[in-house]
Amino acid sequence: MGKFIITKRKNEEFQFNLEATNGQVILTSEGYTTKASCKTGIESVKTNAPLDSRYAREMAKNNKYYFNLKAGNGEIIGTSQMYTSLNNRENGIESVKANAPEATIVDETV
């Protein structure tokens, strides 16, 4: 089972990373001004992760692949790492689908 890890950025914003069972970060959030809104973002990932239609498959200017997970309102709630191939990106999406819904939450800000 994966886990969400809540941390604080240097600018004092909260963020979360979703780690797969192997410890690899598979999704990173935006910055949030409050811990409560960060936790709301985690719940949104858990809700939207199983839905393939919520994944925007993208290509960066450096020709690497990544994806954004979006909420029902179209807002980005998480971004993947960069991948060297389409297949690896799809594997990343499948990992988020598998890990996010039941992932535990670890708060490293306390």
C-alpha atoms as a PDB file:
ATOM      1  CA  MET A   1       0.000   0.000   0.000  1.00  0.00           C
ATOM      2  CA  GLY A   2       1.226   3.473  -0.821  1.00  0.00           C
ATOM      3  CA  LYS A   3       1.394   6.472   1.453  1.00  0.00           C
ATOM      4  CA  PHE A   4       0.887  10.194   1.291  1.00  0.00           C
ATOM      5  CA  ILE A   5       3.658  12.144   3.008  1.00  0.00           C
ATOM      6  CA  ILE A   6       2.857  15.707   4.077  1.00  0.00           C
ATOM      7  CA  THR A   7       5.861  18.032   4.273  1.00  0.00           C
ATOM      8  CA  LYS A   8       6.483  21.760   4.477  1.00  0.00           C
ATOM      9  CA  ARG A   9       8.257  23.691   1.747  1.00  0.00           C
ATOM     10  CA  LYS A  10      10.865  26.360   2.436  1.00  0.00           C
ATOM     11  CA  ASN A  11       8.191  28.991   1.762  1.00  0.00           C
ATOM     12  CA  GLU A  12       6.106  27.442   4.596  1.00  0.00           C
ATOM     13  CA  GLU A  13       3.518  25.934   2.238  1.00  0.00           C
ATOM     14  CA  PHE A  14       2.351  22.365   2.796  1.00  0.00           C
ATOM     15  CA  GLN A  15       2.611  19.746   0.070  1.00  0.00           C
ATOM     16  CA  PHE A  16       2.183  16.021  -0.253  1.00  0.00           C
ATOM     17  CA  ASN A  17       3.930  13.306  -2.177  1.00  0.00           C
ATOM     18  CA  LEU A  18       2.306   9.990  -2.953  1.00  0.00           C
ATOM     19  CA  GLU A  19       4.825   7.177  -2.623  1.00  0.00           C
ATOM     20  CA  ALA A  20       4.345   3.713  -4.062  1.00  0.00           C
ATOM     21  CA  THR A  21       5.037   0.678  -1.896  1.00  0.00           C
ATOM     22  CA  ASN A  22       8.649   0.689  -3.160  1.00  0.00           C
ATOM     23  CA  GLY A  23       9.152   4.216  -1.812  1.00  0.00           C
ATOM     24  CA  GLN A  24       9.214   5.906  -5.218  1.00  0.00           C
ATOM     25  CA  VAL A  25       7.373   9.244  -5.445  1.00  0.00           C
ATOM     26  CA  ILE A  26       4.651   8.856  -8.071  1.00  0.00           C
ATOM     27  CA  LEU A  27       2.670  12.075  -7.566  1.00  0.00           C
ATOM     28  CA  THR A  28       3.437  15.509  -6.091  1.00  0.00           C
ATOM     29  CA  SER A  29       0.945  18.190  -5.116  1.00  0.00           C
ATOM     30  CA  GLU A  30       0.966  21.929  -5.461  1.00  0.00           C
ATOM     31  CA  GLY A  31       1.695  24.050  -2.414  1.00  0.00           C
ATOM     32  CA  TYR A  32      -1.098  24.675   0.089  1.00  0.00           C
ATOM     33  CA  THR A  33      -1.265  27.524   2.596  1.00  0.00           C
ATOM     34  CA  THR A  34      -2.876  25.357   5.294  1.00  0.00           C
ATOM     35  CA  LYS A  35      -2.495  21.757   6.376  1.00  0.00           C
ATOM     36  CA  ALA A  36      -6.274  21.353   6.215  1.00  0.00           C
ATOM     37  CA  SER A  37      -6.349  22.269   2.518  1.00  0.00           C
ATOM     38  CA  CYS A  38      -3.420  19.894   1.913  1.00  0.00           C
ATOM     39  CA  LYS A  39      -5.430  17.077   3.494  1.00  0.00           C
ATOM     40  CA  THR A  40      -8.416  18.026   1.340  1.00  0.00           C
ATOM     41  CA  GLY A  41      -6.121  17.682  -1.682  1.00  0.00           C
ATOM     42  CA  ILE A  42      -5.165  14.178  -0.538  1.00  0.00           C
ATOM     43  CA  GLU A  43      -8.829  13.208  -0.263  1.00  0.00           C
ATOM     44  CA  SER A  44      -9.384  14.548  -3.781  1.00  0.00           C
ATOM     45  CA  VAL A  45      -6.536  12.379  -5.088  1.00  0.00           C
ATOM     46  CA  LYS A  46      -8.016   9.333  -3.372  1.00  0.00           C
ATOM     47  CA  THR A  47     -11.402  10.054  -4.981  1.00  0.00           C
ATOM     48  CA  ASN A  48     -10.162  10.872  -8.489  1.00  0.00           C
ATOM     49  CA  ALA A  49      -7.219   8.457  -8.856  1.00  0.00           C
ATOM     50  CA  PRO A  50      -9.283   5.463 -10.013  1.00  0.00           C
ATOM     51  CA  LEU A  51     -10.857   7.446 -12.879  1.00  0.00           C
ATOM     52  CA  ASP A  52      -8.807   7.267 -16.078  1.00  0.00           C
ATOM     53  CA  SER A  53     -10.580  10.352 -17.444  1.00  0.00           C
ATOM     54  CA  ARG A  54      -8.964  12.451 -14.688  1.00  0.00           C
ATOM     55  CA  TYR A  55      -5.446  11.931 -16.070  1.00  0.00           C
ATOM     56  CA  ALA A  56      -4.070  14.476 -18.530  1.00  0.00           C
ATOM     57  CA  ARG A  57      -1.225  12.822 -20.390  1.00  0.00           C
ATOM     58  CA  GLU A  58       1.375  15.420 -21.324  1.00  0.00           C
ATOM     59  CA  MET A  59       4.768  15.876 -22.985  1.00  0.00           C
ATOM     60  CA  ALA A  60       7.302  18.378 -21.685  1.00  0.00           C
ATOM     61  CA  LYS A  61       9.452  20.626 -23.865  1.00  0.00           C
ATOM     62  CA  ASN A  62      12.390  18.270 -23.263  1.00  0.00           C
ATOM     63  CA  ASN A  63      10.377  15.440 -24.892  1.00  0.00           C
ATOM     64  CA  LYS A  64       9.787  13.610 -21.609  1.00  0.00           C
ATOM     65  CA  TYR A  65       6.377  12.341 -20.620  1.00  0.00           C
ATOM     66  CA  TYR A  66       4.365  13.150 -17.509  1.00  0.00           C
ATOM     67  CA  PHE A  67       0.790  13.340 -16.333  1.00  0.00           C
ATOM     68  CA  ASN A  68      -1.425  15.587 -14.255  1.00  0.00           C
ATOM     69  CA  LEU A  69      -4.212  14.207 -12.104  1.00  0.00           C
ATOM     70  CA  LYS A  70      -7.208  16.540 -12.183  1.00  0.00           C
ATOM     71  CA  ALA A  71     -10.233  16.949  -9.953  1.00  0.00           C
ATOM     72  CA  GLY A  72     -13.764  16.922 -11.353  1.00  0.00           C
ATOM     73  CA  ASN A  73     -13.577  20.707 -11.791  1.00  0.00           C
ATOM     74  CA  GLY A  74     -10.454  20.378 -13.969  1.00  0.00           C
ATOM     75  CA  GLU A  75      -8.044  21.703 -11.326  1.00  0.00           C
ATOM     76  CA  ILE A  76      -4.682  19.921 -11.171  1.00  0.00           C
ATOM     77  CA  ILE A  77      -4.308  18.087  -7.864  1.00  0.00           C
ATOM     78  CA  GLY A  78      -1.058  16.276  -8.564  1.00  0.00           C
ATOM     79  CA  THR A  79       1.765  16.004 -11.087  1.00  0.00           C
ATOM     80  CA  SER A  80       3.967  13.024 -11.849  1.00  0.00           C
ATOM     81  CA  GLN A  81       7.688  12.783 -12.284  1.00  0.00           C
ATOM     82  CA  MET A  82       9.140  12.890 -15.801  1.00  0.00           C
ATOM     83  CA  TYR A  83       9.252   9.628 -17.742  1.00  0.00           C
ATOM     84  CA  THR A  84      11.427   8.665 -20.704  1.00  0.00           C
ATOM     85  CA  SER A  85       8.722   6.640 -22.461  1.00  0.00           C
ATOM     86  CA  LEU A  86       4.973   6.495 -22.948  1.00  0.00           C
ATOM     87  CA  ASN A  87       4.910   3.022 -21.424  1.00  0.00           C
ATOM     88  CA  ASN A  88       6.627   4.216 -18.254  1.00  0.00           C
ATOM     89  CA  ARG A  89       4.136   7.082 -17.958  1.00  0.00           C
ATOM     90  CA  GLU A  90       1.237   4.634 -18.267  1.00  0.00           C
ATOM     91  CA  ASN A  91       2.840   2.453 -15.588  1.00  0.00           C
ATOM     92  CA  GLY A  92       3.027   5.553 -13.371  1.00  0.00           C
ATOM     93  CA  ILE A  93      -0.681   6.227 -13.880  1.00  0.00           C
ATOM     94  CA  GLU A  94      -1.514   2.616 -13.032  1.00  0.00           C
ATOM     95  CA  SER A  95       0.609   2.916  -9.888  1.00  0.00           C
ATOM     96  CA  VAL A  96      -1.321   6.009  -8.754  1.00  0.00           C
ATOM     97  CA  LYS A  97      -4.614   4.211  -9.465  1.00  0.00           C
ATOM     98  CA  ALA A  98      -3.469   1.235  -7.387  1.00  0.00           C
ATOM     99  CA  ASN A  99      -1.808   3.079  -4.505  1.00  0.00           C
ATOM    100  CA  ALA A 100      -3.802   6.269  -3.876  1.00  0.00           C
ATOM    101  CA  PRO A 101      -7.268   5.039  -2.829  1.00  0.00           C
ATOM    102  CA  GLU A 102      -6.087   3.128   0.255  1.00  0.00           C
ATOM    103  CA  ALA A 103      -2.850   5.008   0.964  1.00  0.00           C
ATOM    104  CA  THR A 104      -2.093   6.000   4.537  1.00  0.00           C
ATOM    105  CA  ILE A 105      -1.170   9.571   5.476  1.00  0.00           C
ATOM    106  CA  VAL A 106       2.128  10.377   7.177  1.00  0.00           C
ATOM    107  CA  ASP A 107       2.443  13.930   8.510  1.00  0.00           C
ATOM    108  CA  GLU A 108       6.120  14.915   8.717  1.00  0.00           C
ATOM    109  CA  THR A 109       5.311  18.489   9.773  1.00  0.00           C
ATOM    110  CA  VAL A 110       4.565  17.652  13.414  1.00  0.00           C
END
